[in-house]
Amino acid sequence: TLALSRFGEIEVDARGATSVPGVFAAGDATATPYKQIIIAAGEGARAALSACDFLIRHSEREAAAERLAA
């Protein structure tokens, strides 16, 4: 079984390795401090990158439509 904290969270080292060789854990299930902040920051970064990708693709379609109309 995995080593757990007194709160039932999975204990991991700096690399995310658990007490069982070959088993790794990450996120809210672990005893990593500030996990909520880090996960929120990661989700925010993903949303920002998705928005940027959307804007790039949307502007490319508009440019292509303008070229076709000309």
Protein backbone atom coordinates (compact mmCIF):
# COMPACT_ATOMS: atom_id res chain seq x y z
CA THR A 1 0.00 0.00 0.00
CA LEU A 2 1.02 3.62 -0.44
CA ALA A 3 2.28 5.73 2.43
CA LEU A 4 -0.39 8.27 3.37
CA SER A 5 -0.32 11.45 5.43
CA ARG A 6 -2.44 11.81 8.54
CA PHE A 7 -5.07 13.44 6.28
CA GLY A 8 -5.16 10.45 3.90
CA GLU A 9 -3.14 12.16 1.17
CA ILE A 10 -0.54 10.21 -0.81
CA GLU A 11 3.02 10.96 0.28
CA VAL A 12 5.31 11.79 -2.68
CA ASP A 13 8.89 12.96 -3.10
CA ALA A 14 10.06 15.90 -5.25
CA ARG A 15 9.67 13.77 -8.40
CA GLY A 16 6.14 12.59 -7.56
CA ALA A 17 7.30 9.08 -6.63
CA THR A 18 5.31 7.29 -3.95
CA SER A 19 6.49 4.73 -1.42
CA VAL A 20 5.84 2.00 -4.01
CA PRO A 21 8.57 1.81 -6.69
CA GLY A 22 7.20 2.68 -10.12
CA VAL A 23 4.03 4.30 -8.76
CA PHE A 24 3.73 8.07 -9.07
CA ALA A 25 1.04 10.51 -7.95
CA ALA A 26 0.22 14.18 -8.54
CA GLY A 27 -2.42 16.77 -7.83
CA ASP A 28 -5.04 16.95 -5.11
CA ALA A 29 -4.50 13.35 -4.00
CA THR A 30 -0.98 14.11 -2.79
CA ALA A 31 0.37 15.74 0.35
CA THR A 32 2.09 18.44 -1.73
CA PRO A 33 1.72 21.87 -0.12
CA TYR A 34 -0.07 24.65 -2.01
CA LYS A 35 -1.50 22.14 -4.48
CA GLN A 36 -4.69 24.10 -4.97
CA ILE A 37 -2.73 27.19 -6.02
CA ILE A 38 -0.47 25.26 -8.37
CA ILE A 39 -3.32 23.34 -9.98
CA ALA A 40 -5.31 26.56 -10.41
CA ALA A 41 -2.29 28.24 -12.02
CA GLY A 42 -1.84 25.31 -14.39
CA GLU A 43 -5.51 25.36 -15.36
CA GLY A 44 -5.28 29.12 -15.91
CA ALA A 45 -2.26 28.67 -18.16
CA ARG A 46 -4.09 26.00 -20.15
CA ALA A 47 -7.12 28.24 -20.60
CA ALA A 48 -4.91 31.16 -21.69
CA LEU A 49 -3.10 28.99 -24.25
CA SER A 50 -6.42 27.68 -25.56
CA ALA A 51 -7.76 31.22 -25.90
CA CYS A 52 -4.61 32.29 -27.75
CA ASP A 53 -4.92 29.31 -30.10
CA PHE A 54 -8.58 30.14 -30.72
CA LEU A 55 -7.75 33.77 -31.54
CA ILE A 56 -4.96 32.74 -33.92
CA ARG A 57 -7.20 30.27 -35.74
CA HIS A 58 -10.12 32.71 -35.84
CA SER A 59 -8.00 35.54 -37.29
CA GLU A 60 -6.53 33.13 -39.89
CA ARG A 61 -10.06 32.21 -41.04
CA GLU A 62 -11.03 35.88 -41.27
CA ALA A 63 -7.93 36.67 -43.31
CA ALA A 64 -8.63 33.75 -45.64
CA ALA A 65 -12.26 34.87 -46.08
CA GLU A 66 -11.11 38.42 -46.89
CA ARG A 67 -8.67 37.09 -49.49
CA LEU A 68 -11.43 35.03 -51.11
CA ALA A 69 -13.79 38.02 -51.18
CA ALA A 70 -11.18 40.24 -52.84
